[in-house]
Amino acid sequence: MNNEILFYTQLGSIVAYVIIVFFLYRLLVGQKEATIELLKEKNNYLETQLKDLKEKSPGILEERLSKRINIFENELKKLSEDEVHNKEKIQEKEKELQIEKEKLEKLQNKIEEFKELAAEYFCSDCGAPLVSKEYHDAGYEGHGMEYEIIEFECGKQIINNRVHRKCSNLQKNI
């Protein structure tokens, strides 16, 4: 049995050796893969930096600035054309606005005139309409005297520009 033990021991040693070598191989391969991955990332980083530096080269910057200047010149040209077009529209609208303002002013003047004329046909206190406006002659011994009597729907009565009876609507509101 001595030989058998020796045989199995050698066989176990060889199997253990193969397993250890396989384990070390896997460990080495894992490290190599990690190193390769790290180098790929570093390579990508350096490529990105190289692209950035190429984009920042004086020729590229000059080209970009030229494009920007062309864009701004085109925009200014369009704005100048639009300014002329818009100035015409603005002038038209200003004329229309002036015409409308004049119409409004005329209308306001007419309203004021109407209010002045209507003041004698409506009660100044409540706005009730005029019911009657009469003129009476009252005279004695050749001296004629004329009375103007104005009466509104609210009951207000004015005789010769003096309030004879007050507005009843005004008294209700008090």
Foldseek 3Di string as FASTA:
>chain_A
DVVVVVVVVVVVVVVVVVVVVVVVVVVVVVVVVVVVVVVVVVVVVVVVVVVVVVCPDPVNVVVVVVVVVVVVVVVVVVVVVVVVVVVVVVVVVVVVVVVVVVVVVVVVVVVVVVCVVCPLQAPPPPGFGWDDWDWDWDDDPPDIDIWIWTAGPQGFIAIPNHTPDDRNVVVVVD
